[in-house]
């Protein structure tokens, strides 16, 4: 087994796997506590303004003009190669395909913060209560508050100046019920100031970002100017100034218990095509629900970890249902103008149900000469997104080195309620909402490594430590014992902050 270079031969106090909301927050907190931390990320740095200005040179572009070959990293059907079908090692997204559900994940330093819509919201009161010893809403409250401040969750100075913002854009329409004060969640967006000036802004840590230009795309395919808060800029770049080591294009393949000494981590350098073994007394898994489950299942199969009887249970899709709602045919609206998410609404007659989020039309990463046409098409339909408390009754398994998973809408009454709301919106507006009523497409897979004091029902305890494996922690949405039912990024950040606090406190 060879190693990359002399620097990587040093053992860190903690190895963190993954650089999204969970990995970035955990790494930042651990570095602040004086730990030496090595963060491993299978994807590249993305070429954005804050990353460029920080002096990171080896980057890959966000997928803007390269077509789908610049987007897809890999496909994971329920059959075929054990690590999926590789398409582009620097690709932006990967697709996991299971029975009744498809899950989309992001690859790159910053993880899901490049694809996220920047809406910051907590789950319903009581979400964390009664889950495990040492964990409840009160324990988590400070972590939520801190993460909200760090991610710069704010309301615009004047919503009326933000194109398509739902606080003003649908006044007078009879299919939405106006929201009350405090119902619109903060957004992790650097909004233009009162003067509307679009000039670079440098914060006290030297991180450079631009206020959002509402005429440009800032959604699923990233925010090139840094106007959408991403964790590579907010957490990782400042932590690197304090000693954090980030190694991109390093894919963790397995974890092995190393007695009382900690853990060995088998890593493959995707650029140099070399394998290496790294060791640390503590490891934090934050590779995202699909990849954390895959890594644990594969490590168990290879003998690196034991039975983990709770592994794979309680898989869910956060009640995600996504529809497409056409704009009026008179050309009066452009769905692709504004922030990536325009805000949330209540559909008339369904006020007691879930909020519905209206998202902007997304321009696909087509070649430059096709952009104008693709942009115009994107402006002709809003994305309608609902999230709810699904039953989280899915399963994740591994058979002959291939991970399989399943989830069915039929076990979750929340989906039927959401579909009725979508149908009502179509009827009242005269523009039907198109959605898939038979299977789920989600960017928010959760579970499989649930929090529970019972090791037969979950994988981690209330501190995020894997049962029976001191020093092995999980800091992503795979631990959620049920769906949060709202955009999960803030909860992942808060959970990672909690885990790091328990590791150092």
Protein backbone atom coordinates (compact mmCIF):
# COMPACT_ATOMS: atom_id res chain seq x y z
CA UNK A 1 0.00 0.00 0.00
CA UNK A 2 1.64 3.25 -1.07
CA UNK A 3 1.07 6.71 0.31
CA UNK A 4 0.66 9.99 -1.50
CA UNK A 5 3.48 12.07 -0.12
CA UNK A 6 5.34 12.83 3.07
CA UNK A 7 2.68 15.23 4.30
CA UNK A 8 -0.01 12.58 4.22
CA UNK A 9 2.15 10.11 6.14
CA UNK A 10 1.59 12.14 9.30
CA UNK A 11 -1.24 10.88 11.46
CA UNK A 12 -3.86 13.50 12.20
CA UNK A 13 -5.81 13.67 15.44
CA UNK A 14 -8.98 13.37 13.37
CA UNK A 15 -9.70 12.30 9.80
CA UNK A 16 -12.91 13.81 8.42
CA UNK A 17 -14.49 12.11 5.39
CA UNK A 18 -16.55 14.51 3.27
CA UNK A 19 -16.65 18.29 3.00
CA UNK A 20 -20.33 19.22 2.86
CA UNK A 21 -22.30 20.76 5.71
CA UNK A 22 -21.42 17.96 8.11
CA UNK A 23 -17.73 17.60 7.29
CA UNK A 24 -16.99 21.30 6.92
CA UNK A 25 -18.64 22.31 10.18
CA UNK A 26 -17.12 19.41 12.13
CA UNK A 27 -13.64 20.09 10.74
CA UNK A 28 -13.88 23.80 11.50
CA UNK A 29 -14.98 23.19 15.09
CA UNK A 30 -12.29 20.57 15.69
CA UNK A 31 -9.54 22.83 14.35
CA UNK A 32 -10.78 25.64 16.60
CA UNK A 33 -10.48 23.23 19.52
CA UNK A 34 -6.81 22.64 18.73
CA UNK A 35 -7.07 19.30 16.93
CA UNK A 36 -4.98 18.46 13.88
CA UNK A 37 -7.52 17.59 11.21
CA UNK A 38 -7.15 16.00 7.78
CA UNK A 39 -10.25 16.32 5.59
CA UNK A 40 -10.60 13.92 2.66
CA UNK A 41 -12.91 14.81 -0.25
CA UNK A 42 -13.39 12.66 -3.34
CA UNK A 43 -14.21 15.65 -5.58
CA UNK A 44 -12.23 18.75 -6.62
CA UNK A 45 -12.26 22.32 -5.46
CA UNK A 46 -14.76 24.28 -7.54
CA UNK A 47 -13.72 27.43 -9.36
CA UNK A 48 -15.65 30.16 -7.56
CA UNK A 49 -14.71 33.72 -6.65
CA UNK A 50 -13.94 33.06 -2.96
CA UNK A 51 -11.89 29.95 -3.77
CA UNK A 52 -9.96 31.75 -6.50
CA UNK A 53 -9.27 34.78 -4.31
CA UNK A 54 -8.04 32.49 -1.53
CA UNK A 55 -5.28 31.26 -3.85
CA UNK A 56 -6.58 27.75 -4.54
CA UNK A 57 -5.21 26.99 -8.00
CA UNK A 58 -6.13 23.40 -8.79
CA UNK A 59 -9.86 23.76 -9.37
CA UNK A 60 -12.56 22.46 -11.67
CA UNK A 61 -15.36 24.62 -13.06
CA UNK A 62 -18.93 24.48 -11.93
CA UNK A 63 -21.04 22.82 -14.65
CA UNK A 64 -22.21 25.79 -16.71
CA UNK A 65 -21.47 25.15 -20.38
CA UNK A 66 -20.01 21.67 -20.67
CA UNK A 67 -23.20 19.70 -21.19
CA UNK A 68 -24.14 16.67 -19.12
CA UNK A 69 -20.62 15.23 -19.31
CA UNK A 70 -19.55 18.04 -16.98
CA UNK A 71 -22.36 17.23 -14.58
CA UNK A 72 -22.48 13.51 -13.95
CA UNK A 73 -19.79 11.89 -11.87
CA UNK A 74 -21.29 8.42 -11.63
CA UNK A 75 -24.44 6.34 -11.74
CA UNK A 76 -25.31 3.75 -9.11
CA UNK A 77 -28.00 1.39 -10.44
CA UNK A 78 -29.06 -1.60 -8.32
CA UNK A 79 -26.73 -3.80 -10.38
CA UNK A 80 -23.35 -3.51 -12.03
CA UNK A 81 -19.95 -2.40 -10.65
CA UNK A 82 -19.74 -2.20 -6.86
CA UNK A 83 -18.64 1.45 -6.98
CA UNK A 84 -21.14 2.34 -9.67
CA UNK A 85 -20.60 3.36 -13.27
CA UNK A 86 -17.94 6.04 -13.36
CA UNK A 87 -18.45 8.81 -15.91
CA UNK A 88 -16.27 11.74 -14.87
CA UNK A 89 -14.11 11.68 -11.74
CA UNK A 90 -14.46 15.47 -11.46
CA UNK A 91 -18.18 15.41 -12.20
CA UNK A 92 -20.56 17.47 -10.11
CA UNK A 93 -23.44 15.08 -9.38
CA UNK A 94 -23.99 11.37 -8.91
CA UNK A 95 -27.24 9.47 -9.14
CA UNK A 96 -28.22 6.58 -6.89
CA UNK A 97 -31.10 4.47 -8.25
CA UNK A 98 -33.13 2.27 -5.93
CA UNK A 99 -36.53 0.65 -5.87
CA UNK A 100 -39.11 3.44 -5.79
CA UNK A 101 -36.57 6.21 -5.25
CA UNK A 102 -33.67 8.04 -6.89
CA UNK A 103 -31.21 10.13 -4.88
CA UNK A 104 -28.97 12.90 -6.22
CA UNK A 105 -25.70 13.69 -4.43
CA UNK A 106 -22.97 16.27 -5.00
CA UNK A 107 -19.23 15.76 -5.40
CA UNK A 108 -16.64 18.45 -4.72
CA UNK A 109 -15.12 20.47 -1.90
CA UNK A 110 -18.13 22.11 -0.28
CA UNK A 111 -20.40 19.17 -1.04
CA UNK A 112 -24.11 19.85 -1.08
CA UNK A 113 -23.69 23.54 -0.34
CA UNK A 114 -23.06 24.11 -4.05
CA UNK A 115 -26.37 22.54 -5.02
CA UNK A 116 -28.47 23.79 -2.09
CA UNK A 117 -31.13 26.47 -2.43
CA UNK A 118 -29.87 28.40 0.64
CA UNK A 119 -33.09 28.23 2.70
CA UNK A 120 -32.42 27.92 6.44
CA UNK A 121 -35.11 26.35 8.57
CA UNK A 122 -35.36 24.26 11.72
CA UNK A 123 -37.56 21.17 12.02
CA UNK A 124 -40.68 21.23 14.16
CA UNK A 125 -40.29 21.65 17.92
CA UNK A 126 -39.45 18.40 19.67
CA UNK A 127 -37.57 16.85 16.76
CA UNK A 128 -34.50 16.03 18.89
CA UNK A 129 -36.35 15.17 22.10
CA UNK A 130 -36.37 11.58 23.34
CA UNK A 131 -33.96 10.29 20.71
CA UNK A 132 -31.02 9.34 22.89
CA UNK A 133 -29.34 10.21 26.16
CA UNK A 134 -27.76 13.65 26.21
CA UNK A 135 -29.70 14.93 23.22
CA UNK A 136 -32.80 17.13 22.98
CA UNK A 137 -34.02 20.39 21.47
CA UNK A 138 -32.46 22.45 24.26
CA UNK A 139 -29.04 20.87 23.69
CA UNK A 140 -29.27 21.62 19.97
CA UNK A 141 -30.59 25.19 20.25
CA UNK A 142 -27.18 26.85 20.55
CA UNK A 143 -25.79 24.91 17.62
CA UNK A 144 -28.68 26.02 15.41
CA UNK A 145 -28.20 29.63 16.43
CA UNK A 146 -24.47 29.57 15.74
CA UNK A 147 -24.83 27.83 12.36
CA UNK A 148 -27.54 30.28 11.31
CA UNK A 149 -25.22 33.19 12.07
CA UNK A 150 -22.22 31.61 10.33
CA UNK A 151 -24.17 30.75 7.20
CA UNK A 152 -25.44 34.33 7.21
CA UNK A 153 -29.14 33.55 7.18
CA UNK A 154 -30.92 36.85 6.53
CA UNK A 155 -34.06 38.37 5.08
CA UNK A 156 -33.66 40.81 2.17
CA UNK A 157 -33.70 44.47 3.11
CA UNK A 158 -36.70 44.91 0.83
CA UNK A 159 -38.39 41.77 -0.54
CA UNK A 160 -40.15 43.88 -3.18
CA UNK A 161 -36.75 44.51 -4.82
CA UNK A 162 -36.07 40.77 -5.15
CA UNK A 163 -37.58 39.41 -8.39
CA UNK A 164 -40.16 36.65 -7.88
CA UNK A 165 -39.90 36.79 -4.07
CA UNK A 166 -43.08 35.13 -2.84
CA UNK A 167 -43.72 37.82 -0.23
CA UNK A 168 -44.81 40.13 -3.05
CA UNK A 169 -44.85 38.32 -6.39
CA UNK A 170 -48.26 36.66 -6.03
CA UNK A 171 -50.32 39.40 -4.42
CA UNK A 172 -53.88 39.31 -5.66
CA UNK A 173 -53.74 35.70 -6.86
CA UNK A 174 -56.40 33.49 -5.30
CA UNK A 175 -54.44 30.25 -5.18
CA UNK A 176 -51.98 31.23 -2.42
CA UNK A 177 -52.75 32.23 1.16
CA UNK A 178 -50.50 35.09 2.34
CA UNK A 179 -47.95 34.11 4.97
CA UNK A 180 -47.81 35.77 8.36
CA UNK A 181 -44.82 37.46 9.93
CA UNK A 182 -41.94 35.12 10.64
CA UNK A 183 -43.18 32.38 8.30
CA UNK A 184 -40.62 33.10 5.58
CA UNK A 185 -37.29 31.45 6.49
CA UNK A 186 -33.98 33.31 6.25
CA UNK A 187 -31.81 32.74 3.19
CA UNK A 188 -28.05 32.20 3.16
CA UNK A 189 -27.58 34.74 0.41
CA UNK A 190 -25.43 37.85 0.16
CA UNK A 191 -28.15 40.25 -0.99
CA UNK A 192 -27.32 43.54 -2.70
CA UNK A 193 -27.24 46.55 -0.38
CA UNK A 194 -29.71 49.40 -0.41
CA UNK A 195 -27.79 51.08 -3.22
CA UNK A 196 -27.90 47.89 -5.31
CA UNK A 197 -24.14 48.05 -5.93
CA UNK A 198 -22.62 44.81 -7.21
CA UNK A 199 -19.05 45.10 -5.93
CA UNK A 200 -16.92 42.42 -4.25
CA UNK A 201 -17.11 42.25 -0.48
CA UNK A 202 -14.33 40.96 1.74
CA UNK A 203 -15.16 39.81 5.27
CA UNK A 204 -12.96 39.97 8.35
CA UNK A 205 -11.39 36.59 7.47
CA UNK A 206 -10.42 37.71 3.97
CA UNK A 207 -13.15 35.72 2.18
CA UNK A 208 -14.27 37.51 -1.00
CA UNK A 209 -17.85 37.25 -2.29
CA UNK A 210 -20.19 39.14 -4.58
CA UNK A 211 -23.78 40.19 -3.82
CA UNK A 212 -26.27 38.16 -5.82
CA UNK A 213 -27.08 39.21 -9.37
CA UNK A 214 -30.69 38.11 -9.78
CA UNK A 215 -30.36 37.83 -13.54
CA UNK A 216 -27.79 35.01 -13.28
CA UNK A 217 -28.13 31.35 -12.35
CA UNK A 218 -27.28 30.49 -8.74
CA UNK A 219 -29.17 27.26 -8.18
CA UNK A 220 -28.48 23.57 -8.61
CA UNK A 221 -25.29 24.08 -10.60
CA UNK A 222 -23.59 26.35 -8.11
CA UNK A 223 -22.91 30.01 -7.46
CA UNK A 224 -19.75 31.13 -9.30
CA UNK A 225 -19.47 34.50 -7.54
CA UNK A 226 -19.98 33.16 -4.03
CA UNK A 227 -23.20 35.07 -3.41
CA UNK A 228 -24.81 31.89 -2.12
CA UNK A 229 -23.16 30.80 1.14
CA UNK A 230 -21.16 27.63 0.54
CA UNK A 231 -19.25 25.80 3.24
CA UNK A 232 -15.96 25.70 1.32
CA UNK A 233 -15.87 29.50 1.65
CA UNK A 234 -17.61 29.96 5.01
CA UNK A 235 -15.87 27.18 6.98
CA UNK A 236 -13.03 25.46 5.13
CA UNK A 237 -10.99 28.38 3.82
CA UNK A 238 -10.82 30.07 7.26
CA UNK A 239 -10.06 26.72 8.94
CA UNK A 240 -7.18 26.14 6.54
CA UNK A 241 -5.65 29.38 7.81
CA UNK A 242 -5.61 27.69 11.23
CA UNK A 243 -4.06 24.44 10.07
CA UNK A 244 -6.81 22.33 8.52
CA UNK A 245 -5.46 20.12 5.72
CA UNK A 246 -7.90 19.49 2.86
CA UNK A 247 -7.09 16.82 0.31
CA UNK A 248 -9.42 16.81 -2.72
CA UNK A 249 -9.78 13.93 -5.19
CA UNK A 250 -9.17 11.43 -2.38
CA UNK A 251 -11.91 8.80 -2.18
CA UNK A 252 -12.23 6.79 1.02
CA UNK A 253 -12.85 3.13 0.19
CA UNK A 254 -12.96 1.42 3.60
CA UNK A 255 -12.41 1.89 7.33
CA UNK A 256 -10.72 -0.63 9.61
CA UNK A 257 -10.73 -0.74 13.39
CA UNK A 258 -7.13 -0.69 14.64
CA UNK A 259 -7.58 -1.85 18.23
CA UNK A 260 -7.08 0.82 20.83
CA UNK A 261 -5.00 2.87 18.38
CA UNK A 262 -8.02 4.09 16.41
CA UNK A 263 -8.73 3.51 12.73
CA UNK A 264 -7.03 2.86 9.43
CA UNK A 265 -8.64 4.53 6.44
CA UNK A 266 -8.11 3.09 2.98
CA UNK A 267 -7.98 5.95 0.47
CA UNK A 268 -7.65 6.06 -3.30
CA UNK A 269 -6.08 9.11 -4.91
CA UNK A 270 -8.18 9.59 -8.02
CA UNK A 271 -5.65 11.79 -9.79
CA UNK A 272 -2.54 9.69 -9.23
CA UNK A 273 -4.39 6.36 -9.12
CA UNK A 274 -2.59 5.40 -5.93
CA UNK A 275 -3.86 3.74 -2.78
CA UNK A 276 -2.81 4.70 0.71
CA UNK A 277 -3.57 3.84 4.32
CA UNK A 278 -4.00 6.67 6.81
CA UNK A 279 -4.40 6.34 10.54
CA UNK A 280 -6.05 8.46 13.20
CA UNK A 281 -7.45 7.84 16.67
CA UNK A 282 -10.73 9.46 15.61
CA UNK A 283 -12.67 9.50 12.34
CA UNK A 284 -15.73 11.55 11.42
CA UNK A 285 -17.88 10.26 8.56
CA UNK A 286 -19.70 13.05 6.75
CA UNK A 287 -19.88 11.71 3.20
CA UNK A 288 -23.64 12.15 2.91
CA UNK A 289 -26.37 9.61 3.52
CA UNK A 290 -25.76 7.43 0.47
CA UNK A 291 -21.98 7.34 0.67
CA UNK A 292 -21.74 7.04 4.46
CA UNK A 293 -24.08 4.03 4.38
CA UNK A 294 -22.11 2.56 1.46
CA UNK A 295 -18.80 3.08 3.24
CA UNK A 296 -19.99 1.42 6.45
CA UNK A 297 -21.63 -1.48 4.62
CA UNK A 298 -18.52 -2.06 2.52
CA UNK A 299 -16.22 -1.77 5.55
CA UNK A 300 -18.34 -4.33 7.39
CA UNK A 301 -18.21 -6.65 4.39
CA UNK A 302 -14.39 -6.34 4.21
CA UNK A 303 -14.05 -7.14 7.92
CA UNK A 304 -13.00 -3.66 8.98
CA UNK A 305 -16.06 -3.20 11.17
CA UNK A 306 -18.37 -5.60 12.98
CA UNK A 307 -22.08 -6.40 12.74
CA UNK A 308 -23.67 -2.94 13.25
CA UNK A 309 -27.17 -4.47 13.46
CA UNK A 310 -28.94 -1.11 13.12
CA UNK A 311 -27.19 -0.20 9.87
CA UNK A 312 -29.45 0.46 6.88
CA UNK A 313 -32.69 0.91 8.82
CA UNK A 314 -35.00 3.89 8.61
CA UNK A 315 -34.13 5.22 5.17
CA UNK A 316 -36.30 8.10 3.95
CA UNK A 317 -36.50 10.88 1.37
CA UNK A 318 -37.56 13.83 3.55
CA UNK A 319 -41.00 13.74 1.97
CA UNK A 320 -39.56 15.34 -1.16
CA UNK A 321 -41.98 15.85 -4.03
CA UNK A 322 -40.92 18.05 -6.93
CA UNK A 323 -43.23 19.44 -9.58
CA UNK A 324 -43.04 21.77 -12.55
CA UNK A 325 -45.60 24.60 -12.73
CA UNK A 326 -45.80 26.62 -15.97
CA UNK A 327 -45.79 30.41 -15.91
CA UNK A 328 -48.79 32.24 -17.40
CA UNK A 329 -48.85 32.13 -21.17
CA UNK A 330 -48.94 35.92 -21.55
CA UNK A 331 -45.18 36.26 -20.96
CA UNK A 332 -45.67 38.32 -17.81
CA UNK A 333 -43.37 36.19 -15.67
CA UNK A 334 -39.82 34.88 -15.93
CA UNK A 335 -39.36 32.02 -13.49
CA UNK A 336 -35.57 32.01 -13.90
CA UNK A 337 -35.08 35.52 -12.52
CA UNK A 338 -34.36 35.98 -8.82
CA UNK A 339 -32.64 33.88 -6.14
CA UNK A 340 -32.50 30.08 -6.48
CA UNK A 341 -35.52 29.78 -4.19
CA UNK A 342 -38.19 32.47 -4.35
CA UNK A 343 -39.65 31.65 -0.95
CA UNK A 344 -42.39 29.47 0.40
CA UNK A 345 -46.15 29.69 0.06
CA UNK A 346 -49.35 28.07 1.33
CA UNK A 347 -51.74 26.69 -1.29
CA UNK A 348 -55.34 27.84 -0.78
CA UNK A 349 -57.34 25.18 1.01
CA UNK A 350 -54.21 23.39 2.25
CA UNK A 351 -53.10 25.85 4.92
CA UNK A 352 -52.83 23.10 7.54
CA UNK A 353 -50.49 21.08 5.35
CA UNK A 354 -46.86 21.52 4.46
CA UNK A 355 -45.37 24.70 3.07
CA UNK A 356 -44.60 24.64 -0.62
CA UNK A 357 -41.35 26.14 -1.87
CA UNK A 358 -41.26 27.92 -5.22
CA UNK A 359 -37.91 27.58 -6.92
CA UNK A 360 -36.55 29.36 -9.94
CA UNK A 361 -36.33 27.80 -13.35
CA UNK A 362 -32.93 26.16 -13.75
CA UNK A 363 -30.83 26.67 -16.88
CA UNK A 364 -29.06 23.40 -17.73
CA UNK A 365 -25.31 23.40 -18.46
CA UNK A 366 -25.57 23.58 -22.22
CA UNK A 367 -22.83 24.77 -24.62
CA UNK A 368 -22.60 28.53 -24.88
CA UNK A 369 -24.30 28.87 -28.26
CA UNK A 370 -27.40 27.14 -26.83
CA UNK A 371 -27.55 29.13 -23.60
CA UNK A 372 -30.05 31.81 -24.65
CA UNK A 373 -32.58 29.22 -25.80
CA UNK A 374 -32.09 27.07 -22.69
CA UNK A 375 -32.38 30.12 -20.43
CA UNK A 376 -35.63 31.17 -22.08
CA UNK A 377 -37.07 27.68 -21.63
CA UNK A 378 -36.03 27.62 -17.98
CA UNK A 379 -37.97 30.81 -17.39
CA UNK A 380 -41.22 29.21 -18.52
CA UNK A 381 -41.80 27.04 -15.42
CA UNK A 382 -41.33 27.29 -11.67
CA UNK A 383 -40.06 24.39 -9.64
CA UNK A 384 -42.60 23.50 -6.94
CA UNK A 385 -41.07 21.61 -4.01
CA UNK A 386 -42.69 20.15 -0.93
CA UNK A 387 -40.98 18.42 1.98
CA UNK A 388 -42.80 16.50 4.70
CA UNK A 389 -42.55 13.83 7.36
CA UNK A 390 -42.42 10.67 5.32
CA UNK A 391 -42.47 7.34 7.15
CA UNK A 392 -38.72 6.70 6.77
CA UNK A 393 -39.52 3.01 6.37
CA UNK A 394 -37.01 2.28 3.61
CA UNK A 395 -34.06 -0.09 3.78
CA UNK A 396 -30.43 0.04 2.63
CA UNK A 397 -28.57 -3.24 2.10
CA UNK A 398 -25.45 -4.61 0.47
CA UNK A 399 -25.45 -7.81 -1.54
CA UNK A 400 -22.31 -9.05 -3.27
CA UNK A 401 -20.61 -5.66 -2.82
CA UNK A 402 -23.44 -3.70 -4.50
CA UNK A 403 -25.56 -1.44 -2.33
CA UNK A 404 -29.31 -1.57 -2.88
CA UNK A 405 -32.03 0.51 -1.29
CA UNK A 406 -35.78 0.89 -1.44
CA UNK A 407 -38.47 3.32 -0.42
CA UNK A 408 -42.16 3.57 -1.28
CA UNK A 409 -44.47 6.57 -1.24
CA UNK A 410 -47.36 4.26 -0.32
CA UNK A 411 -46.27 4.00 3.31
CA UNK A 412 -46.27 7.77 3.83
CA UNK A 413 -49.65 9.60 3.97
CA UNK A 414 -47.78 12.89 3.63
CA UNK A 415 -47.19 12.21 -0.06
CA UNK A 416 -50.89 11.84 -0.81
CA UNK A 417 -51.55 15.15 0.97
CA UNK A 418 -48.82 16.88 -1.02
CA UNK A 419 -50.17 15.54 -4.30
CA UNK A 420 -53.64 16.85 -3.46
CA UNK A 421 -52.14 20.29 -2.79
CA UNK A 422 -50.27 20.26 -6.11
CA UNK A 423 -53.46 19.25 -7.91
CA UNK A 424 -55.35 22.10 -6.21
CA UNK A 425 -52.72 24.61 -7.32
CA UNK A 426 -53.11 23.38 -10.89
CA UNK A 427 -56.90 23.63 -10.74
CA UNK A 428 -57.00 27.10 -9.18
CA UNK A 429 -54.34 28.55 -11.47
CA UNK A 430 -55.44 26.78 -14.63
CA UNK A 431 -51.87 25.55 -15.10
CA UNK A 432 -51.41 21.92 -13.98
CA UNK A 433 -48.42 21.00 -11.86
CA UNK A 434 -46.55 18.09 -13.43
CA UNK A 435 -45.01 15.59 -10.99
CA UNK A 436 -44.18 11.90 -10.71
CA UNK A 437 -46.80 10.21 -8.54
CA UNK A 438 -45.11 6.81 -8.66
CA UNK A 439 -41.58 7.29 -7.40
CA UNK A 440 -39.46 9.75 -5.46
CA UNK A 441 -36.62 11.92 -6.70
CA UNK A 442 -34.77 13.39 -3.74
CA UNK A 443 -31.73 15.51 -3.03
CA UNK A 444 -32.29 14.87 0.69
CA UNK A 445 -31.88 11.16 1.44
CA UNK A 446 -31.75 10.50 5.18
CA UNK A 447 -31.32 7.66 7.63
CA UNK A 448 -29.67 4.27 7.63
CA UNK A 449 -27.38 5.26 10.52
CA UNK A 450 -30.03 6.51 12.90
CA UNK A 451 -29.56 8.02 16.34
CA UNK A 452 -30.71 5.58 19.01
CA UNK A 453 -29.53 4.28 22.37
CA UNK A 454 -30.52 0.83 21.07
CA UNK A 455 -27.77 -0.52 18.79
CA UNK A 456 -30.24 -2.86 17.09
CA UNK A 457 -32.35 0.09 15.92
CA UNK A 458 -29.70 2.71 15.21
CA UNK A 459 -26.00 3.17 14.57
CA UNK A 460 -24.95 6.18 16.66
CA UNK A 461 -25.65 7.43 20.16
CA UNK A 462 -26.64 10.95 21.21
CA UNK A 463 -23.07 12.16 20.70
CA UNK A 464 -22.89 10.82 17.14
CA UNK A 465 -20.50 8.02 18.11
CA UNK A 466 -20.99 4.63 16.46
CA UNK A 467 -22.12 1.98 18.94
CA UNK A 468 -19.21 -0.19 19.96
CA UNK A 469 -16.63 1.90 18.12
CA UNK A 470 -15.07 4.60 20.30
CA UNK A 471 -13.68 7.42 18.20
CA UNK A 472 -15.82 6.73 15.11
CA UNK A 473 -18.48 9.42 14.57
CA UNK A 474 -21.10 10.30 11.95
CA UNK A 475 -21.94 13.94 11.20
CA UNK A 476 -24.40 13.92 8.29
CA UNK A 477 -28.10 13.32 7.58
CA UNK A 478 -27.74 9.54 7.69
CA UNK A 479 -28.20 9.79 11.47
CA UNK A 480 -31.59 11.53 11.38
CA UNK A 481 -34.09 9.24 13.14
CA UNK A 482 -36.90 10.65 11.02
CA UNK A 483 -37.05 13.21 8.20
CA UNK A 484 -36.75 16.83 9.26
CA UNK A 485 -39.51 17.70 6.77
CA UNK A 486 -37.84 21.00 5.85
CA UNK A 487 -34.61 21.88 4.00
CA UNK A 488 -32.08 19.85 6.02
CA UNK A 489 -28.82 21.78 5.60
CA UNK A 490 -29.15 23.85 8.77
CA UNK A 491 -29.93 20.72 10.79
CA UNK A 492 -26.91 18.90 9.36
CA UNK A 493 -24.67 21.85 10.26
CA UNK A 494 -26.14 22.01 13.78
CA UNK A 495 -25.74 18.24 14.26
CA UNK A 496 -22.10 18.36 13.09
CA UNK A 497 -21.46 21.21 15.51
CA UNK A 498 -22.97 19.12 18.31
CA UNK A 499 -20.85 16.09 17.38
CA UNK A 500 -17.64 18.12 17.33
CA UNK A 501 -18.56 19.65 20.67
CA UNK A 502 -19.01 16.22 22.23
CA UNK A 503 -15.69 15.10 20.75
CA UNK A 504 -13.82 18.01 22.30
CA UNK A 505 -15.91 18.74 25.40
